[in-house]
mmCIF file of all heavy atoms, coordinates in Angstrom:
data_MODEL
# 
_entry.id   MODEL 
# 
loop_
_atom_site.group_PDB 
_atom_site.id 
_atom_site.type_symbol 
_atom_site.label_atom_id 
_atom_site.label_alt_id 
_atom_site.label_comp_id 
_atom_site.label_asym_id 
_atom_site.label_entity_id 
_atom_site.label_seq_id 
_atom_site.pdbx_PDB_ins_code 
_atom_site.Cartn_x 
_atom_site.Cartn_y 
_atom_site.Cartn_z 
_atom_site.occupancy 
_atom_site.B_iso_or_equiv 
_atom_site.pdbx_formal_charge 
_atom_site.auth_seq_id 
_atom_site.auth_comp_id 
_atom_site.auth_asym_id 
_atom_site.auth_atom_id 
_atom_site.pdbx_PDB_model_num 
ATOM 1   N N   . THR A 1 1  ? 130.384 102.669 -141.197 1.00 0.00 ? 1  THR A N   1 
ATOM 2   C CA  . THR A 1 1  ? 131.387 102.172 -140.217 1.00 0.00 ? 1  THR A CA  1 
ATOM 3   C C   . THR A 1 1  ? 131.222 103.028 -138.962 1.00 0.00 ? 1  THR A C   1 
ATOM 4   O O   . THR A 1 1  ? 130.496 103.970 -138.904 1.00 0.00 ? 1  THR A O   1 
ATOM 5   C CB  . THR A 1 1  ? 132.762 102.576 -140.728 1.00 0.00 ? 1  THR A CB  1 
ATOM 6   O OG1 . THR A 1 1  ? 132.914 103.975 -140.899 1.00 0.00 ? 1  THR A OG1 1 
ATOM 7   C CG2 . THR A 1 1  ? 133.073 101.894 -142.065 1.00 0.00 ? 1  THR A CG2 1 
ATOM 8   N N   . HIS A 1 2  ? 131.867 102.534 -137.876 1.00 0.00 ? 2  HIS A N   1 
ATOM 9   C CA  . HIS A 1 2  ? 131.792 103.161 -136.583 1.00 0.00 ? 2  HIS A CA  1 
ATOM 10  C C   . HIS A 1 2  ? 133.079 103.938 -136.252 1.00 0.00 ? 2  HIS A C   1 
ATOM 11  O O   . HIS A 1 2  ? 133.359 104.329 -135.135 1.00 0.00 ? 2  HIS A O   1 
ATOM 12  C CB  . HIS A 1 2  ? 131.528 102.214 -135.494 1.00 0.00 ? 2  HIS A CB  1 
ATOM 13  C CG  . HIS A 1 2  ? 130.109 101.438 -135.718 1.00 0.00 ? 2  HIS A CG  1 
ATOM 14  N ND1 . HIS A 1 2  ? 128.964 102.119 -135.448 1.00 0.00 ? 2  HIS A ND1 1 
ATOM 15  C CD2 . HIS A 1 2  ? 129.903 100.222 -136.037 1.00 0.00 ? 2  HIS A CD2 1 
ATOM 16  C CE1 . HIS A 1 2  ? 127.990 101.265 -135.661 1.00 0.00 ? 2  HIS A CE1 1 
ATOM 17  N NE2 . HIS A 1 2  ? 128.531 100.040 -136.087 1.00 0.00 ? 2  HIS A NE2 1 
ATOM 18  N N   . THR A 1 3  ? 133.852 104.172 -137.294 1.00 0.00 ? 3  THR A N   1 
ATOM 19  C CA  . THR A 1 3  ? 135.220 104.790 -137.129 1.00 0.00 ? 3  THR A CA  1 
ATOM 20  C C   . THR A 1 3  ? 135.440 105.651 -138.294 1.00 0.00 ? 3  THR A C   1 
ATOM 21  O O   . THR A 1 3  ? 134.871 105.518 -139.348 1.00 0.00 ? 3  THR A O   1 
ATOM 22  C CB  . THR A 1 3  ? 136.293 103.728 -136.946 1.00 0.00 ? 3  THR A CB  1 
ATOM 23  O OG1 . THR A 1 3  ? 137.534 104.352 -136.690 1.00 0.00 ? 3  THR A OG1 1 
ATOM 24  C CG2 . THR A 1 3  ? 136.453 102.821 -138.133 1.00 0.00 ? 3  THR A CG2 1 
ATOM 25  N N   . SER A 1 4  ? 136.417 106.621 -138.176 1.00 0.00 ? 4  SER A N   1 
ATOM 26  C CA  . SER A 1 4  ? 136.827 107.408 -139.219 1.00 0.00 ? 4  SER A CA  1 
ATOM 27  C C   . SER A 1 4  ? 138.083 107.015 -139.844 1.00 0.00 ? 4  SER A C   1 
ATOM 28  O O   . SER A 1 4  ? 138.547 107.458 -140.872 1.00 0.00 ? 4  SER A O   1 
ATOM 29  C CB  . SER A 1 4  ? 136.943 108.919 -138.767 1.00 0.00 ? 4  SER A CB  1 
ATOM 30  O OG  . SER A 1 4  ? 137.885 108.942 -137.798 1.00 0.00 ? 4  SER A OG  1 
ATOM 31  N N   . THR A 1 5  ? 138.721 105.977 -139.204 1.00 0.00 ? 5  THR A N   1 
ATOM 32  C CA  . THR A 1 5  ? 140.055 105.505 -139.719 1.00 0.00 ? 5  THR A CA  1 
ATOM 33  C C   . THR A 1 5  ? 140.115 103.942 -139.603 1.00 0.00 ? 5  THR A C   1 
ATOM 34  O O   . THR A 1 5  ? 139.715 103.406 -138.580 1.00 0.00 ? 5  THR A O   1 
ATOM 35  C CB  . THR A 1 5  ? 141.242 106.056 -138.919 1.00 0.00 ? 5  THR A CB  1 
ATOM 36  O OG1 . THR A 1 5  ? 141.107 107.478 -138.827 1.00 0.00 ? 5  THR A OG1 1 
ATOM 37  C CG2 . THR A 1 5  ? 142.555 105.696 -139.530 1.00 0.00 ? 5  THR A CG2 1 
ATOM 38  N N   . PHE A 1 6  ? 140.549 103.326 -140.698 1.00 0.00 ? 6  PHE A N   1 
ATOM 39  C CA  . PHE A 1 6  ? 140.849 101.861 -140.655 1.00 0.00 ? 6  PHE A CA  1 
ATOM 40  C C   . PHE A 1 6  ? 142.307 101.762 -140.166 1.00 0.00 ? 6  PHE A C   1 
ATOM 41  O O   . PHE A 1 6  ? 143.171 102.273 -140.749 1.00 0.00 ? 6  PHE A O   1 
ATOM 42  C CB  . PHE A 1 6  ? 140.739 101.258 -142.077 1.00 0.00 ? 6  PHE A CB  1 
ATOM 43  C CG  . PHE A 1 6  ? 139.346 101.227 -142.620 1.00 0.00 ? 6  PHE A CG  1 
ATOM 44  C CD1 . PHE A 1 6  ? 139.059 101.803 -143.822 1.00 0.00 ? 6  PHE A CD1 1 
ATOM 45  C CD2 . PHE A 1 6  ? 138.339 100.696 -141.882 1.00 0.00 ? 6  PHE A CD2 1 
ATOM 46  C CE1 . PHE A 1 6  ? 137.807 101.787 -144.404 1.00 0.00 ? 6  PHE A CE1 1 
ATOM 47  C CE2 . PHE A 1 6  ? 137.018 100.661 -142.384 1.00 0.00 ? 6  PHE A CE2 1 
ATOM 48  C CZ  . PHE A 1 6  ? 136.732 101.258 -143.648 1.00 0.00 ? 6  PHE A CZ  1 
ATOM 49  N N   . ARG A 1 7  ? 142.472 101.057 -139.080 1.00 0.00 ? 7  ARG A N   1 
ATOM 50  C CA  . ARG A 1 7  ? 143.781 100.695 -138.552 1.00 0.00 ? 7  ARG A CA  1 
ATOM 51  C C   . ARG A 1 7  ? 143.911 99.201  -138.294 1.00 0.00 ? 7  ARG A C   1 
ATOM 52  O O   . ARG A 1 7  ? 143.079 98.687  -137.500 1.00 0.00 ? 7  ARG A O   1 
ATOM 53  C CB  . ARG A 1 7  ? 144.050 101.454 -137.299 1.00 0.00 ? 7  ARG A CB  1 
ATOM 54  C CG  . ARG A 1 7  ? 144.167 102.893 -137.369 1.00 0.00 ? 7  ARG A CG  1 
ATOM 55  C CD  . ARG A 1 7  ? 144.242 103.568 -136.039 1.00 0.00 ? 7  ARG A CD  1 
ATOM 56  N NE  . ARG A 1 7  ? 144.048 105.036 -136.168 1.00 0.00 ? 7  ARG A NE  1 
ATOM 57  C CZ  . ARG A 1 7  ? 145.045 105.854 -135.911 1.00 0.00 ? 7  ARG A CZ  1 
ATOM 58  N NH1 . ARG A 1 7  ? 146.216 105.419 -135.439 1.00 0.00 ? 7  ARG A NH1 1 
ATOM 59  N NH2 . ARG A 1 7  ? 144.835 107.117 -136.049 1.00 0.00 ? 7  ARG A NH2 1 
ATOM 60  N N   . VAL A 1 8  ? 144.844 98.483  -138.906 1.00 0.00 ? 8  VAL A N   1 
ATOM 61  C CA  . VAL A 1 8  ? 144.934 97.052  -138.801 1.00 0.00 ? 8  VAL A CA  1 
ATOM 62  C C   . VAL A 1 8  ? 146.428 96.759  -138.666 1.00 0.00 ? 8  VAL A C   1 
ATOM 63  O O   . VAL A 1 8  ? 147.267 97.197  -139.476 1.00 0.00 ? 8  VAL A O   1 
ATOM 64  C CB  . VAL A 1 8  ? 144.352 96.262  -139.960 1.00 0.00 ? 8  VAL A CB  1 
ATOM 65  C CG1 . VAL A 1 8  ? 144.519 94.817  -139.756 1.00 0.00 ? 8  VAL A CG1 1 
ATOM 66  C CG2 . VAL A 1 8  ? 142.895 96.690  -140.163 1.00 0.00 ? 8  VAL A CG2 1 
ATOM 67  N N   . SER A 1 9  ? 146.800 95.987  -137.588 1.00 0.00 ? 9  SER A N   1 
ATOM 68  C CA  . SER A 1 9  ? 148.104 95.473  -137.496 1.00 0.00 ? 9  SER A CA  1 
ATOM 69  C C   . SER A 1 9  ? 148.409 94.313  -138.375 1.00 0.00 ? 9  SER A C   1 
ATOM 70  O O   . SER A 1 9  ? 147.579 93.411  -138.523 1.00 0.00 ? 9  SER A O   1 
ATOM 71  C CB  . SER A 1 9  ? 148.376 95.041  -136.044 1.00 0.00 ? 9  SER A CB  1 
ATOM 72  O OG  . SER A 1 9  ? 149.739 94.630  -135.866 1.00 0.00 ? 9  SER A OG  1 
ATOM 73  N N   . LEU A 1 10 ? 149.486 94.397  -139.152 1.00 0.00 ? 10 LEU A N   1 
ATOM 74  C CA  . LEU A 1 10 ? 149.782 93.363  -140.194 1.00 0.00 ? 10 LEU A CA  1 
ATOM 75  C C   . LEU A 1 10 ? 150.963 92.508  -139.899 1.00 0.00 ? 10 LEU A C   1 
ATOM 76  O O   . LEU A 1 10 ? 151.351 91.711  -140.757 1.00 0.00 ? 10 LEU A O   1 
ATOM 77  C CB  . LEU A 1 10 ? 149.906 94.053  -141.501 1.00 0.00 ? 10 LEU A CB  1 
ATOM 78  C CG  . LEU A 1 10 ? 148.762 94.897  -142.021 1.00 0.00 ? 10 LEU A CG  1 
ATOM 79  C CD1 . LEU A 1 10 ? 149.053 95.578  -143.306 1.00 0.00 ? 10 LEU A CD1 1 
ATOM 80  C CD2 . LEU A 1 10 ? 147.532 94.018  -142.119 1.00 0.00 ? 10 LEU A CD2 1 
ATOM 81  N N   . GLY A 1 11 ? 151.567 92.591  -138.743 1.00 0.00 ? 11 GLY A N   1 
ATOM 82  C CA  . GLY A 1 11 ? 152.760 91.754  -138.439 1.00 0.00 ? 11 GLY A CA  1 
ATOM 83  C C   . GLY A 1 11 ? 153.991 92.336  -138.915 1.00 0.00 ? 11 GLY A C   1 
ATOM 84  O O   . GLY A 1 11 ? 154.130 93.489  -139.282 1.00 0.00 ? 11 GLY A O   1 
ATOM 85  N N   . SER A 1 12 ? 155.149 91.481  -138.875 1.00 0.00 ? 12 SER A N   1 
ATOM 86  C CA  . SER A 1 12 ? 156.479 92.019  -139.180 1.00 0.00 ? 12 SER A CA  1 
ATOM 87  C C   . SER A 1 12 ? 156.961 91.593  -140.502 1.00 0.00 ? 12 SER A C   1 
ATOM 88  O O   . SER A 1 12 ? 158.089 92.037  -140.936 1.00 0.00 ? 12 SER A O   1 
ATOM 89  C CB  . SER A 1 12 ? 157.433 91.568  -138.068 1.00 0.00 ? 12 SER A CB  1 
ATOM 90  O OG  . SER A 1 12 ? 157.414 90.155  -137.974 1.00 0.00 ? 12 SER A OG  1 
ATOM 91  N N   . ASN A 1 13 ? 156.236 90.788  -141.231 1.00 0.00 ? 13 ASN A N   1 
ATOM 92  C CA  . ASN A 1 13 ? 156.753 90.225  -142.534 1.00 0.00 ? 13 ASN A CA  1 
ATOM 93  C C   . ASN A 1 13 ? 156.244 91.229  -143.680 1.00 0.00 ? 13 ASN A C   1 
ATOM 94  O O   . ASN A 1 13 ? 155.084 91.433  -143.812 1.00 0.00 ? 13 ASN A O   1 
ATOM 95  C CB  . ASN A 1 13 ? 156.112 88.784  -142.744 1.00 0.00 ? 13 ASN A CB  1 
ATOM 96  C CG  . ASN A 1 13 ? 156.628 88.316  -144.104 1.00 0.00 ? 13 ASN A CG  1 
ATOM 97  O OD1 . ASN A 1 13 ? 156.785 88.949  -145.095 1.00 0.00 ? 13 ASN A OD1 1 
ATOM 98  N ND2 . ASN A 1 13 ? 156.930 86.963  -144.109 1.00 0.00 ? 13 ASN A ND2 1 
ATOM 99  N N   . GLN A 1 14 ? 157.295 91.857  -144.230 1.00 0.00 ? 14 GLN A N   1 
ATOM 100 C CA  . GLN A 1 14 ? 156.925 92.960  -145.221 1.00 0.00 ? 14 GLN A CA  1 
ATOM 101 C C   . GLN A 1 14 ? 156.132 92.475  -146.418 1.00 0.00 ? 14 GLN A C   1 
ATOM 102 O O   . GLN A 1 14 ? 155.156 93.071  -146.819 1.00 0.00 ? 14 GLN A O   1 
ATOM 103 C CB  . GLN A 1 14 ? 158.236 93.584  -145.681 1.00 0.00 ? 14 GLN A CB  1 
ATOM 104 C CG  . GLN A 1 14 ? 157.935 94.782  -146.642 1.00 0.00 ? 14 GLN A CG  1 
ATOM 105 C CD  . GLN A 1 14 ? 159.182 95.420  -147.104 1.00 0.00 ? 14 GLN A CD  1 
ATOM 106 O OE1 . GLN A 1 14 ? 160.255 94.909  -147.045 1.00 0.00 ? 14 GLN A OE1 1 
ATOM 107 N NE2 . GLN A 1 14 ? 159.009 96.616  -147.723 1.00 0.00 ? 14 GLN A NE2 1 
ATOM 108 N N   . LEU A 1 15 ? 156.432 91.291  -146.954 1.00 0.00 ? 15 LEU A N   1 
ATOM 109 C CA  . LEU A 1 15 ? 155.657 90.755  -148.112 1.00 0.00 ? 15 LEU A CA  1 
ATOM 110 C C   . LEU A 1 15 ? 154.265 90.449  -147.750 1.00 0.00 ? 15 LEU A C   1 
ATOM 111 O O   . LEU A 1 15 ? 153.336 90.826  -148.584 1.00 0.00 ? 15 LEU A O   1 
ATOM 112 C CB  . LEU A 1 15 ? 156.440 89.481  -148.612 1.00 0.00 ? 15 LEU A CB  1 
ATOM 113 C CG  . LEU A 1 15 ? 155.856 88.907  -149.912 1.00 0.00 ? 15 LEU A CG  1 
ATOM 114 C CD1 . LEU A 1 15 ? 155.909 89.918  -151.032 1.00 0.00 ? 15 LEU A CD1 1 
ATOM 115 C CD2 . LEU A 1 15 ? 156.618 87.632  -150.230 1.00 0.00 ? 15 LEU A CD2 1 
ATOM 116 N N   . GLU A 1 16 ? 154.045 89.777  -146.642 1.00 0.00 ? 16 GLU A N   1 
ATOM 117 C CA  . GLU A 1 16 ? 152.651 89.421  -146.270 1.00 0.00 ? 16 GLU A CA  1 
ATOM 118 C C   . GLU A 1 16 ? 151.878 90.718  -145.940 1.00 0.00 ? 16 GLU A C   1 
ATOM 119 O O   . GLU A 1 16 ? 150.747 90.828  -146.234 1.00 0.00 ? 16 GLU A O   1 
ATOM 120 C CB  . GLU A 1 16 ? 152.655 88.496  -145.059 1.00 0.00 ? 16 GLU A CB  1 
ATOM 121 C CG  . GLU A 1 16 ? 153.170 87.124  -145.379 1.00 0.00 ? 16 GLU A CG  1 
ATOM 122 C CD  . GLU A 1 16 ? 153.157 86.171  -144.204 1.00 0.00 ? 16 GLU A CD  1 
ATOM 123 O OE1 . GLU A 1 16 ? 152.679 86.600  -143.091 1.00 0.00 ? 16 GLU A OE1 1 
ATOM 124 O OE2 . GLU A 1 16 ? 153.708 85.155  -144.338 1.00 0.00 ? 16 GLU A OE2 1 
ATOM 125 N N   . ALA A 1 17 ? 152.551 91.658  -145.287 1.00 0.00 ? 17 ALA A N   1 
ATOM 126 C CA  . ALA A 1 17 ? 151.883 92.904  -144.927 1.00 0.00 ? 17 ALA A CA  1 
ATOM 127 C C   . ALA A 1 17 ? 151.443 93.699  -146.125 1.00 0.00 ? 17 ALA A C   1 
ATOM 128 O O   . ALA A 1 17 ? 150.344 94.269  -146.201 1.00 0.00 ? 17 ALA A O   1 
ATOM 129 C CB  . ALA A 1 17 ? 152.710 93.762  -143.999 1.00 0.00 ? 17 ALA A CB  1 
ATOM 130 N N   . THR A 1 18 ? 152.327 93.710  -147.159 1.00 0.00 ? 18 THR A N   1 
ATOM 131 C CA  . THR A 1 18 ? 152.041 94.446  -148.385 1.00 0.00 ? 18 THR A CA  1 
ATOM 132 C C   . THR A 1 18 ? 150.875 93.786  -149.095 1.00 0.00 ? 18 THR A C   1 
ATOM 133 O O   . THR A 1 18 ? 149.941 94.492  -149.545 1.00 0.00 ? 18 THR A O   1 
ATOM 134 C CB  . THR A 1 18 ? 153.256 94.506  -149.257 1.00 0.00 ? 18 THR A CB  1 
ATOM 135 O OG1 . THR A 1 18 ? 154.360 95.095  -148.523 1.00 0.00 ? 18 THR A OG1 1 
ATOM 136 C CG2 . THR A 1 18 ? 153.015 95.262  -150.586 1.00 0.00 ? 18 THR A CG2 1 
ATOM 137 N N   . GLN A 1 19 ? 150.911 92.499  -149.149 1.00 0.00 ? 19 GLN A N   1 
ATOM 138 C CA  . GLN A 1 19 ? 149.764 91.735  -149.777 1.00 0.00 ? 19 GLN A CA  1 
ATOM 139 C C   . GLN A 1 19 ? 148.434 91.988  -149.121 1.00 0.00 ? 19 GLN A C   1 
ATOM 140 O O   . GLN A 1 19 ? 147.364 92.262  -149.747 1.00 0.00 ? 19 GLN A O   1 
ATOM 141 C CB  . GLN A 1 19 ? 150.080 90.255  -149.891 1.00 0.00 ? 19 GLN A CB  1 
ATOM 142 C CG  . GLN A 1 19 ? 149.036 89.474  -150.719 1.00 0.00 ? 19 GLN A CG  1 
ATOM 143 C CD  . GLN A 1 19 ? 148.834 89.968  -152.141 1.00 0.00 ? 19 GLN A CD  1 
ATOM 144 O OE1 . GLN A 1 19 ? 149.826 90.281  -152.834 1.00 0.00 ? 19 GLN A OE1 1 
ATOM 145 N NE2 . GLN A 1 19 ? 147.613 90.160  -152.524 1.00 0.00 ? 19 GLN A NE2 1 
ATOM 146 N N   . THR A 1 20 ? 148.491 91.978  -147.776 1.00 0.00 ? 20 THR A N   1 
ATOM 147 C CA  . THR A 1 20 ? 147.277 92.115  -147.000 1.00 0.00 ? 20 THR A CA  1 
ATOM 148 C C   . THR A 1 20 ? 146.762 93.631  -147.187 1.00 0.00 ? 20 THR A C   1 
ATOM 149 O O   . THR A 1 20 ? 145.550 93.829  -147.294 1.00 0.00 ? 20 THR A O   1 
ATOM 150 C CB  . THR A 1 20 ? 147.476 91.801  -145.525 1.00 0.00 ? 20 THR A CB  1 
ATOM 151 O OG1 . THR A 1 20 ? 147.992 90.488  -145.424 1.00 0.00 ? 20 THR A OG1 1 
ATOM 152 C CG2 . THR A 1 20 ? 146.284 91.969  -144.729 1.00 0.00 ? 20 THR A CG2 1 
ATOM 153 N N   . ALA A 1 21 ? 147.622 94.563  -147.197 1.00 0.00 ? 21 ALA A N   1 
ATOM 154 C CA  . ALA A 1 21 ? 147.275 96.007  -147.337 1.00 0.00 ? 21 ALA A CA  1 
ATOM 155 C C   . ALA A 1 21 ? 146.671 96.178  -148.751 1.00 0.00 ? 21 ALA A C   1 
ATOM 156 O O   . ALA A 1 21 ? 145.657 96.845  -148.862 1.00 0.00 ? 21 ALA A O   1 
ATOM 157 C CB  . ALA A 1 21 ? 148.504 96.891  -147.222 1.00 0.00 ? 21 ALA A CB  1 
ATOM 158 N N   . LEU A 1 22 ? 147.176 95.581  -149.810 1.00 0.00 ? 22 LEU A N   1 
ATOM 159 C CA  . LEU A 1 22 ? 146.609 95.602  -151.082 1.00 0.00 ? 22 LEU A CA  1 
ATOM 160 C C   . LEU A 1 22 ? 145.223 95.002  -151.099 1.00 0.00 ? 22 LEU A C   1 
ATOM 161 O O   . LEU A 1 22 ? 144.308 95.520  -151.813 1.00 0.00 ? 22 LEU A O   1 
ATOM 162 C CB  . LEU A 1 22 ? 147.456 95.018  -152.158 1.00 0.00 ? 22 LEU A CB  1 
ATOM 163 C CG  . LEU A 1 22 ? 148.801 95.751  -152.356 1.00 0.00 ? 22 LEU A CG  1 
ATOM 164 C CD1 . LEU A 1 22 ? 149.722 94.903  -153.341 1.00 0.00 ? 22 LEU A CD1 1 
ATOM 165 C CD2 . LEU A 1 22 ? 148.536 97.088  -152.962 1.00 0.00 ? 22 LEU A CD2 1 
ATOM 166 N N   . ASP A 1 23 ? 145.022 93.879  -150.431 1.00 0.00 ? 23 ASP A N   1 
ATOM 167 C CA  . ASP A 1 23 ? 143.690 93.294  -150.305 1.00 0.00 ? 23 ASP A CA  1 
ATOM 168 C C   . ASP A 1 23 ? 142.725 94.199  -149.590 1.00 0.00 ? 23 ASP A C   1 
ATOM 169 O O   . ASP A 1 23 ? 141.577 94.342  -149.991 1.00 0.00 ? 23 ASP A O   1 
ATOM 170 C CB  . ASP A 1 23 ? 143.764 91.922  -149.537 1.00 0.00 ? 23 ASP A CB  1 
ATOM 171 C CG  . ASP A 1 23 ? 144.530 90.852  -150.299 1.00 0.00 ? 23 ASP A CG  1 
ATOM 172 O OD1 . ASP A 1 23 ? 144.666 91.018  -151.557 1.00 0.00 ? 23 ASP A OD1 1 
ATOM 173 O OD2 . ASP A 1 23 ? 144.936 89.865  -149.689 1.00 0.00 ? 23 ASP A OD2 1 
ATOM 174 N N   . PHE A 1 24 ? 143.142 94.845  -148.488 1.00 0.00 ? 24 PHE A N   1 
ATOM 175 C CA  . PHE A 1 24 ? 142.359 95.819  -147.792 1.00 0.00 ? 24 PHE A CA  1 
ATOM 176 C C   . PHE A 1 24 ? 141.933 97.006  -148.764 1.00 0.00 ? 24 PHE A C   1 
ATOM 177 O O   . PHE A 1 24 ? 140.802 97.453  -148.739 1.00 0.00 ? 24 PHE A O   1 
ATOM 178 C CB  . PHE A 1 24 ? 142.957 96.404  -146.566 1.00 0.00 ? 24 PHE A CB  1 
ATOM 179 C CG  . PHE A 1 24 ? 142.808 95.486  -145.377 1.00 0.00 ? 24 PHE A CG  1 
ATOM 180 C CD1 . PHE A 1 24 ? 144.055 95.131  -144.663 1.00 0.00 ? 24 PHE A CD1 1 
ATOM 181 C CD2 . PHE A 1 24 ? 141.633 95.081  -144.893 1.00 0.00 ? 24 PHE A CD2 1 
ATOM 182 C CE1 . PHE A 1 24 ? 143.952 94.388  -143.594 1.00 0.00 ? 24 PHE A CE1 1 
ATOM 183 C CE2 . PHE A 1 24 ? 141.615 94.212  -143.753 1.00 0.00 ? 24 PHE A CE2 1 
ATOM 184 C CZ  . PHE A 1 24 ? 142.764 93.849  -143.097 1.00 0.00 ? 24 PHE A CZ  1 
ATOM 185 N N   . ASN A 1 25 ? 142.923 97.480  -149.478 1.00 0.00 ? 25 ASN A N   1 
ATOM 186 C CA  . ASN A 1 25 ? 142.606 98.538  -150.482 1.00 0.00 ? 25 ASN A CA  1 
ATOM 187 C C   . ASN A 1 25 ? 141.579 98.212  -151.493 1.00 0.00 ? 25 ASN A C   1 
ATOM 188 O O   . ASN A 1 25 ? 140.629 98.899  -151.787 1.00 0.00 ? 25 ASN A O   1 
ATOM 189 C CB  . ASN A 1 25 ? 143.905 98.966  -151.216 1.00 0.00 ? 25 ASN A CB  1 
ATOM 190 C CG  . ASN A 1 25 ? 144.679 99.953  -150.500 1.00 0.00 ? 25 ASN A CG  1 
ATOM 191 O OD1 . ASN A 1 25 ? 144.265 100.656 -149.574 1.00 0.00 ? 25 ASN A OD1 1 
ATOM 192 N ND2 . ASN A 1 25 ? 145.915 100.158 -150.864 1.00 0.00 ? 25 ASN A ND2 1 
ATOM 193 N N   . SER A 1 26 ? 141.706 96.970  -152.018 1.00 0.00 ? 26 SER A N   1 
ATOM 194 C CA  . SER A 1 26 ? 140.726 96.447  -152.933 1.00 0.00 ? 26 SER A CA  1 
ATOM 195 C C   . SER A 1 26 ? 139.326 96.418  -152.356 1.00 0.00 ? 26 SER A C   1 
ATOM 196 O O   . SER A 1 26 ? 138.339 96.807  -152.976 1.00 0.00 ? 26 SER A O   1 
ATOM 197 C CB  . SER A 1 26 ? 141.207 95.138  -153.424 1.00 0.00 ? 26 SER A CB  1 
ATOM 198 O OG  . SER A 1 26 ? 140.244 94.588  -154.378 1.00 0.00 ? 26 SER A OG  1 
ATOM 199 N N   . SER A 1 27 ? 139.207 95.944  -151.090 1.00 0.00 ? 27 SER A N   1 
ATOM 200 C CA  . SER A 1 27 ? 137.945 95.798  -150.463 1.00 0.00 ? 27 SER A CA  1 
ATOM 201 C C   . SER A 1 27 ? 137.319 97.187  -150.178 1.00 0.00 ? 27 SER A C   1 
ATOM 202 O O   . SER A 1 27 ? 136.099 97.398  -150.428 1.00 0.00 ? 27 SER A O   1 
ATOM 203 C CB  . SER A 1 27 ? 138.040 95.093  -149.118 1.00 0.00 ? 27 SER A CB  1 
ATOM 204 O OG  . SER A 1 27 ? 138.506 93.808  -149.317 1.00 0.00 ? 27 SER A OG  1 
ATOM 205 N N   . VAL A 1 28 ? 138.117 98.109  -149.798 1.00 0.00 ? 28 VAL A N   1 
ATOM 206 C CA  . VAL A 1 28 ? 137.722 99.499  -149.513 1.00 0.00 ? 28 VAL A CA  1 
ATOM 207 C C   . VAL A 1 28 ? 137.144 100.115 -150.829 1.00 0.00 ? 28 VAL A C   1 
ATOM 208 O O   . VAL A 1 28 ? 136.121 100.765 -150.905 1.00 0.00 ? 28 VAL A O   1 
ATOM 209 C CB  . VAL A 1 28 ? 138.688 100.324 -148.820 1.00 0.00 ? 28 VAL A CB  1 
ATOM 210 C CG1 . VAL A 1 28 ? 138.187 101.816 -148.706 1.00 0.00 ? 28 VAL A CG1 1 
ATOM 211 C CG2 . VAL A 1 28 ? 138.905 99.814  -147.393 1.00 0.00 ? 28 VAL A CG2 1 
# 
């Protein structure tokens, strides 16, 4: 990677943001 931190904006919907965060965790 070219960064030391992953930072991604996920919007304002809590359910969608949580699901996307779990997907990112799985990928990492």
